[in-house]
Protein backbone atom coordinates (compact mmCIF):
# COMPACT_ATOMS: atom_id res chain seq x y z
CA MET A 1 0.00 0.00 0.00
CA GLU A 2 1.08 3.53 -0.72
CA LYS A 3 1.54 6.00 2.13
CA ILE A 4 -0.67 9.10 1.97
CA GLU A 5 1.49 12.23 1.91
CA VAL A 6 0.02 15.33 3.54
CA VAL A 7 2.42 18.26 3.80
CA PRO A 8 2.21 21.76 5.31
CA TYR A 9 0.73 24.46 3.09
CA ASP A 10 3.18 25.61 0.42
CA PRO A 11 2.91 29.27 -0.65
CA GLN A 12 4.16 28.22 -4.11
CA TRP A 13 0.91 26.37 -4.84
CA PRO A 14 -1.01 29.49 -5.97
CA GLU A 15 1.94 30.48 -8.18
CA GLN A 16 2.05 27.00 -9.70
CA PHE A 17 -1.68 27.17 -10.34
CA GLN A 18 -1.36 30.59 -11.97
CA ALA A 19 1.34 29.30 -14.36
CA LEU A 20 -0.88 26.38 -15.41
CA LYS A 21 -3.93 28.64 -15.69
CA GLU A 22 -2.09 30.89 -18.16
CA ILE A 23 -1.37 27.89 -20.40
CA TYR A 24 -5.03 26.81 -20.36
CA LEU A 25 -6.27 30.33 -21.03
CA GLN A 26 -3.94 30.67 -24.00
CA ARG A 27 -5.19 27.41 -25.53
CA LEU A 28 -8.85 27.98 -24.67
CA GLN A 29 -9.11 31.72 -25.23
CA ALA A 30 -11.99 31.43 -27.70
CA LEU A 31 -14.18 29.91 -24.95
CA TYR A 32 -13.35 32.50 -22.28
CA PRO A 33 -13.45 29.81 -19.60
CA ARG A 34 -13.19 30.44 -15.87
CA ILE A 35 -10.37 28.46 -14.34
CA GLU A 36 -10.40 27.84 -10.61
CA HIS A 37 -7.84 26.48 -8.17
CA VAL A 38 -9.82 24.15 -5.91
CA GLY A 39 -9.03 21.44 -3.38
CA SER A 40 -6.85 21.73 -0.32
CA THR A 41 -3.87 23.31 -2.09
CA SER A 42 -6.13 26.31 -2.85
CA VAL A 43 -6.71 27.08 0.84
CA PRO A 44 -3.92 29.14 2.45
CA GLY A 45 -2.66 27.51 5.63
CA LEU A 46 -4.29 24.11 5.00
CA PRO A 47 -2.08 21.01 4.97
CA ALA A 48 -2.61 19.03 1.76
CA LYS A 49 -1.47 16.27 -0.50
CA PRO A 50 0.96 18.15 -2.78
CA ILE A 51 -1.26 17.82 -5.85
CA LEU A 52 -3.09 20.83 -7.30
CA ASP A 53 -6.75 20.46 -8.23
CA ILE A 54 -7.88 22.62 -11.13
CA ASP A 55 -11.34 23.13 -12.62
CA ILE A 56 -11.83 24.54 -16.11
CA ILE A 57 -15.40 25.83 -16.13
CA ILE A 58 -17.46 25.81 -19.31
CA SER A 59 -20.99 27.08 -19.89
CA SER A 60 -22.28 23.79 -21.36
CA ALA A 61 -21.18 20.25 -22.16
CA ALA A 62 -21.38 21.22 -25.85
CA GLN A 63 -18.01 22.98 -25.36
CA LEU A 64 -16.36 19.80 -24.08
CA PRO A 65 -15.00 18.61 -27.47
CA ILE A 66 -13.18 21.94 -27.96
CA VAL A 67 -11.67 21.76 -24.46
CA THR A 68 -10.69 18.12 -24.92
CA SER A 69 -8.99 18.78 -28.23
CA ALA A 70 -7.00 21.68 -26.78
CA LEU A 71 -5.97 19.69 -23.72
CA GLU A 72 -5.01 16.63 -25.76
CA SER A 73 -2.67 18.91 -27.76
CA LEU A 74 -0.96 19.66 -24.43
CA GLY A 75 -0.50 15.98 -23.59
CA TYR A 76 -3.60 15.24 -21.52
CA THR A 77 -5.81 12.20 -22.05
CA PHE A 78 -9.58 12.40 -21.70
CA ARG A 79 -10.81 10.09 -18.92
CA GLY A 80 -14.53 10.88 -19.08
CA ASP A 81 -16.79 11.75 -16.18
CA LEU A 82 -15.62 8.86 -13.97
CA GLY A 83 -19.20 8.58 -12.72
CA ILE A 84 -19.50 12.25 -11.71
CA LYS A 85 -22.11 14.14 -13.73
CA ASP A 86 -20.90 17.30 -15.49
CA ARG A 87 -17.28 16.88 -14.32
CA TYR A 88 -14.78 15.47 -16.79
CA ALA A 89 -11.30 14.31 -15.84
CA TYR A 90 -8.05 14.53 -17.78
CA GLY A 91 -5.02 12.32 -17.22
CA ILE A 92 -1.44 13.53 -17.30
CA THR A 93 0.87 11.66 -19.66
CA SER A 94 4.25 12.95 -18.42
CA ALA A 95 5.94 15.22 -15.88
CA TYR A 96 5.87 17.91 -18.62
CA THR A 97 2.08 17.94 -19.01
CA PRO A 98 0.81 20.46 -20.00
CA ASP A 99 3.56 20.15 -22.59
CA THR A 100 4.20 23.43 -24.35
CA GLY A 101 7.42 22.18 -25.95
CA ASP A 102 9.78 23.95 -23.56
CA GLN A 103 10.61 20.88 -21.40
CA THR A 104 9.30 22.55 -18.24
CA LEU A 105 8.54 20.16 -15.41
CA ARG A 106 5.02 20.79 -14.15
CA PRO A 107 3.63 20.37 -10.64
CA LYS A 108 1.51 17.33 -9.89
CA HIS A 109 -2.09 18.17 -10.56
CA ASN A 110 -5.57 16.86 -11.24
CA LEU A 111 -7.39 18.60 -14.06
CA TYR A 112 -11.15 18.67 -14.52
CA CYS A 113 -13.58 20.39 -16.85
CA CYS A 114 -16.85 21.25 -15.09
CA VAL A 115 -20.11 22.56 -16.43
CA ASP A 116 -21.00 25.86 -14.78
CA GLY A 117 -23.65 25.48 -12.09
CA SER A 118 -23.16 21.72 -11.73
CA VAL A 119 -23.26 20.09 -8.31
CA SER A 120 -19.67 18.90 -8.67
CA LEU A 121 -18.45 22.45 -9.32
CA ARG A 122 -20.58 23.89 -6.51
CA ASN A 123 -19.09 21.22 -4.24
CA HIS A 124 -15.50 22.21 -5.12
CA LEU A 125 -16.10 25.95 -4.76
CA LEU A 126 -18.18 25.74 -1.59
CA VAL A 127 -15.64 23.62 0.29
CA ARG A 128 -12.76 25.85 -0.85
CA ASP A 129 -14.51 29.11 -0.02
CA THR A 130 -15.79 27.87 3.35
CA LEU A 131 -12.33 26.70 4.44
CA ARG A 132 -10.73 29.93 3.23
CA ALA A 133 -13.20 31.97 5.32
CA ASP A 134 -13.21 29.95 8.56
CA ALA A 135 -9.83 29.50 10.28
CA GLN A 136 -11.23 27.25 13.00
CA LEU A 137 -12.85 24.90 10.48
CA ARG A 138 -9.70 24.98 8.31
CA ASN A 139 -7.54 24.01 11.30
CA ALA A 140 -9.88 21.18 12.26
CA TYR A 141 -9.87 19.87 8.69
CA GLY A 142 -6.07 20.12 8.52
CA GLN A 143 -5.74 18.11 11.73
CA LEU A 144 -8.15 15.49 10.38
CA LYS A 145 -6.15 15.18 7.15
CA GLU A 146 -2.85 14.81 9.02
CA THR A 147 -4.32 12.23 11.40
CA LEU A 148 -5.79 10.19 8.55
CA ALA A 149 -2.54 10.33 6.58
CA ALA A 150 -0.69 8.92 9.60
CA GLN A 151 -3.27 6.21 10.28
CA VAL A 152 -4.39 4.86 6.91
CA ASP A 153 -2.41 3.26 4.13
CA ASN A 154 -4.62 3.76 1.09
CA ILE A 155 -6.41 6.61 -0.62
CA ASP A 156 -9.86 5.02 -0.29
CA ASP A 157 -9.68 4.98 3.52
CA TYR A 158 -8.26 8.51 3.50
CA ILE A 159 -11.18 9.79 1.38
CA GLU A 160 -13.70 7.86 3.48
CA GLY A 161 -12.27 9.40 6.63
CA LYS A 162 -12.83 12.92 5.28
CA SER A 163 -16.31 12.33 3.86
CA ALA A 164 -18.41 13.20 6.93
CA PHE A 165 -16.46 16.42 7.53
CA ILE A 166 -16.88 17.57 3.93
CA GLY A 167 -20.52 16.46 3.94
CA LYS A 168 -21.24 18.78 6.88
CA ILE A 169 -19.66 21.71 5.04
CA LEU A 170 -21.78 20.99 1.98
CA LEU A 171 -25.02 20.62 3.94
CA GLN A 172 -24.38 23.83 5.88
CA GLY A 173 -23.57 25.57 2.59
CA GLY A 174 -26.95 24.69 1.11
CA ILE A 175 -26.17 21.64 -1.01
CA ASP A 176 -29.18 19.30 -1.03
CA ALA A 177 -28.85 16.24 1.25
CA ASP A 178 -29.41 13.86 -1.69
CA ASP A 179 -26.65 15.61 -3.65
CA VAL A 180 -24.31 15.37 -0.63
CA ALA A 181 -25.04 11.62 -0.41
CA ASP A 182 -24.27 11.29 -4.14
CA ILE A 183 -21.00 13.21 -3.72
CA GLU A 184 -19.96 10.95 -0.85
CA ASP A 185 -20.80 7.84 -2.91
CA GLN A 186 -18.87 9.19 -5.91
CA ASN A 187 -15.83 9.92 -3.74
CA ARG A 188 -15.86 6.34 -2.48
CA LYS A 189 -15.69 5.09 -6.11
CA LYS A 190 -12.47 6.98 -6.93
């Protein structure tokens, strides 16, 4: 089993995100997409697995083929929705992805394309924004992540251990209870 690595917040994460965002914006400029840094690395002060989570936000799924083509030209592979409605995942093919031809090593990251207004996008943004705004909640979540990383030896148990905490944030933020249950189920399938 692989050890879960949770590290202290790194102030370089927003800079790394910004560099990747610029590449996506250049390739997708005709769509004028929003691009958001989400996940734990987007929350200042929060310990995290050192992997950026990035959402490219499109107005409708009809734009997905254009996004996919542009991302494939940068070395990504389309992985589909992985069972999560209106959120599409892209795999990284090398340490240089997104590959712009300059042999620049890129930070580890997960890249998604989300339809604006979707539950999966609302989930990402609500958790990020809530943790950014509430230091006490952020600290509690950071302690939970560090404890789980020390106690479990696989990503499934790590995700399961965080589910109830995230579910409470989502419920308090106005996400429907059925949608929260779906999100928790989807996370267990990763």
